[in-house]
Protein backbone atom coordinates (compact mmCIF):
# COMPACT_ATOMS: atom_id res chain seq x y z
CA GLN A 1 6.14 -14.99 -1.31
CA VAL A 2 4.79 -11.46 -1.55
CA GLN A 3 6.17 -8.75 0.73
CA LEU A 4 5.59 -5.05 1.15
CA VAL A 5 8.58 -3.16 2.53
CA GLU A 6 8.24 0.45 3.69
CA SER A 7 10.91 3.10 4.17
CA GLY A 8 11.17 6.80 4.88
CA GLY A 9 9.72 7.33 8.35
CA GLY A 10 11.45 9.34 11.07
CA LEU A 11 11.36 12.37 13.27
CA VAL A 12 10.47 15.73 11.74
CA GLN A 13 9.56 19.16 13.14
CA PRO A 14 6.07 20.58 12.67
CA GLY A 15 5.74 22.07 9.20
CA GLY A 16 8.33 19.72 7.81
CA SER A 17 8.06 17.05 5.15
CA LEU A 18 8.67 13.32 4.81
CA ARG A 19 8.42 10.88 1.93
CA LEU A 20 7.28 7.35 2.61
CA SER A 21 7.95 4.65 0.05
CA CYS A 22 6.64 1.09 -0.23
CA ALA A 23 7.85 -1.60 -2.59
CA ALA A 24 6.08 -4.86 -3.30
CA SER A 25 8.21 -7.83 -4.16
CA GLY A 26 7.68 -11.50 -5.02
CA THR A 27 5.84 -13.21 -7.84
CA ILE A 28 3.17 -10.62 -8.49
CA PHE A 29 0.75 -10.75 -11.41
CA SER A 30 -0.87 -7.40 -10.83
CA ILE A 31 -1.68 -4.88 -8.08
CA ALA A 32 -5.05 -3.16 -7.82
CA ASP A 33 -5.56 -0.49 -5.17
CA MET A 34 -2.59 0.61 -3.02
CA GLY A 35 -2.74 2.83 -0.01
CA TRP A 36 -1.33 4.13 3.26
CA TYR A 37 -2.95 3.78 6.66
CA SER A 38 -1.94 5.34 10.00
CA GLN A 39 -2.32 4.05 13.52
CA ALA A 40 -1.62 6.23 16.51
CA PRO A 41 -1.18 4.65 20.00
CA GLY A 42 -4.49 3.44 21.38
CA LYS A 43 -6.38 4.20 18.17
CA GLN A 44 -7.64 2.20 15.23
CA ARG A 45 -5.85 1.97 11.90
CA ASP A 46 -7.30 4.54 9.54
CA LEU A 47 -6.97 5.20 5.82
CA VAL A 48 -4.76 8.13 4.96
CA ALA A 49 -4.71 7.90 1.19
CA SER A 50 -5.33 5.34 -1.58
CA ILE A 51 -4.68 5.13 -5.29
CA THR A 52 -6.13 2.87 -7.95
CA ARG A 53 -4.02 1.27 -10.66
CA GLU A 54 -5.39 3.88 -13.06
CA GLY A 55 -4.24 6.69 -10.74
CA SER A 56 -7.49 7.83 -9.09
CA THR A 57 -6.74 8.98 -5.57
CA ASN A 58 -8.64 9.29 -2.34
CA TYR A 59 -7.53 11.18 0.82
CA ALA A 60 -8.66 11.47 4.39
CA ASP A 61 -10.01 14.92 5.05
CA SER A 62 -7.31 15.59 7.61
CA VAL A 63 -4.52 15.30 5.01
CA LYS A 64 -6.14 16.83 1.89
CA GLY A 65 -3.90 19.51 0.44
CA ARG A 66 -0.87 18.34 2.49
CA PHE A 67 -0.22 14.73 1.44
CA THR A 68 0.17 13.32 -2.08
CA ILE A 69 0.04 9.67 -2.99
CA SER A 70 1.55 8.29 -6.20
CA ARG A 71 2.53 4.92 -7.60
CA ASP A 72 4.77 3.32 -10.19
CA ASN A 73 3.03 0.31 -11.68
CA ALA A 74 6.16 -0.89 -13.47
CA GLN A 75 8.14 -0.90 -10.19
CA ASN A 76 5.26 -2.01 -7.92
CA THR A 77 5.84 0.92 -5.64
CA VAL A 78 3.68 3.47 -3.88
CA THR A 79 4.86 6.72 -2.35
CA LEU A 80 3.32 9.13 0.13
CA LEU A 81 4.68 12.68 0.14
CA MET A 82 3.80 14.33 3.40
CA ASN A 83 4.09 18.13 3.63
CA SER A 84 3.15 20.63 6.37
CA LEU A 85 3.30 17.91 8.95
CA LYS A 86 1.46 18.38 12.24
CA PRO A 87 2.01 16.75 15.64
CA GLU A 88 -1.32 14.95 15.16
CA ASP A 89 0.14 13.21 12.13
CA THR A 90 2.36 11.19 14.51
CA ALA A 91 1.62 7.51 13.99
CA VAL A 92 2.86 4.26 12.56
CA TYR A 93 2.16 4.30 8.85
CA TYR A 94 1.37 1.07 7.04
CA CYS A 95 1.43 0.36 3.32
CA ASN A 96 -1.42 -1.72 1.95
CA ALA A 97 -1.98 -3.30 -1.45
CA GLN A 98 -4.52 -5.57 -3.15
CA ILE A 99 -2.29 -8.04 -4.92
CA VAL A 100 -2.97 -10.71 -7.49
CA ALA A 101 -0.35 -13.40 -6.92
CA VAL A 102 -0.07 -17.15 -6.28
CA VAL A 103 -1.73 -16.22 -3.01
CA SER A 104 -3.95 -13.25 -3.78
CA GLY A 105 -5.29 -10.88 -1.23
CA GLN A 106 -4.72 -7.80 0.86
CA TYR A 107 -1.13 -7.39 1.99
CA TRP A 108 0.37 -5.08 4.65
CA GLY A 109 3.83 -3.70 5.23
CA GLN A 110 5.52 -3.89 8.61
CA GLY A 111 4.88 -0.21 9.37
CA THR A 112 7.12 2.81 9.67
CA GLN A 113 7.09 5.32 12.52
CA VAL A 114 6.43 8.97 11.75
CA THR A 115 6.93 11.34 14.64
CA VAL A 116 6.21 15.09 14.30
CA SER A 117 7.61 16.99 17.20
CA SER A 118 9.69 20.06 18.04
C-alpha cells in the first residue's frame, strides 16, 4: 500500500520560512513527477511547484524566487523550501506524486496546514 506522508507545516510570521517534506512509502517501483499543491479555504487546489524525476522544476508565478522544490529519488522524498512567506501563502499544502507500484497512479498526501500571520 502506497502512502505519502507530509510534515513541516505550522504557523510562521510574514517574511519567515518553512520547509515541507513528503515521503512516499510502500512497494514502489518508481516515481515520475512529484509536486506540491495548495488549497486555501473556499478555493480550488492549485499547483505550487513540481519536479520531474530528472530534476526539472516548474513553479506557480506567485512563488517564483521564494520557494524551492527538490527531491531525493533514492529516498522517495520531495521537499518544498518556502522563504519570504506572505499571508496569502496561507493554505493546506498537499504532496502529490505519480507512482508506479502494484496499483499505479496519482497519489496525494493528507495535507499540512501552513499559516502565515503576525
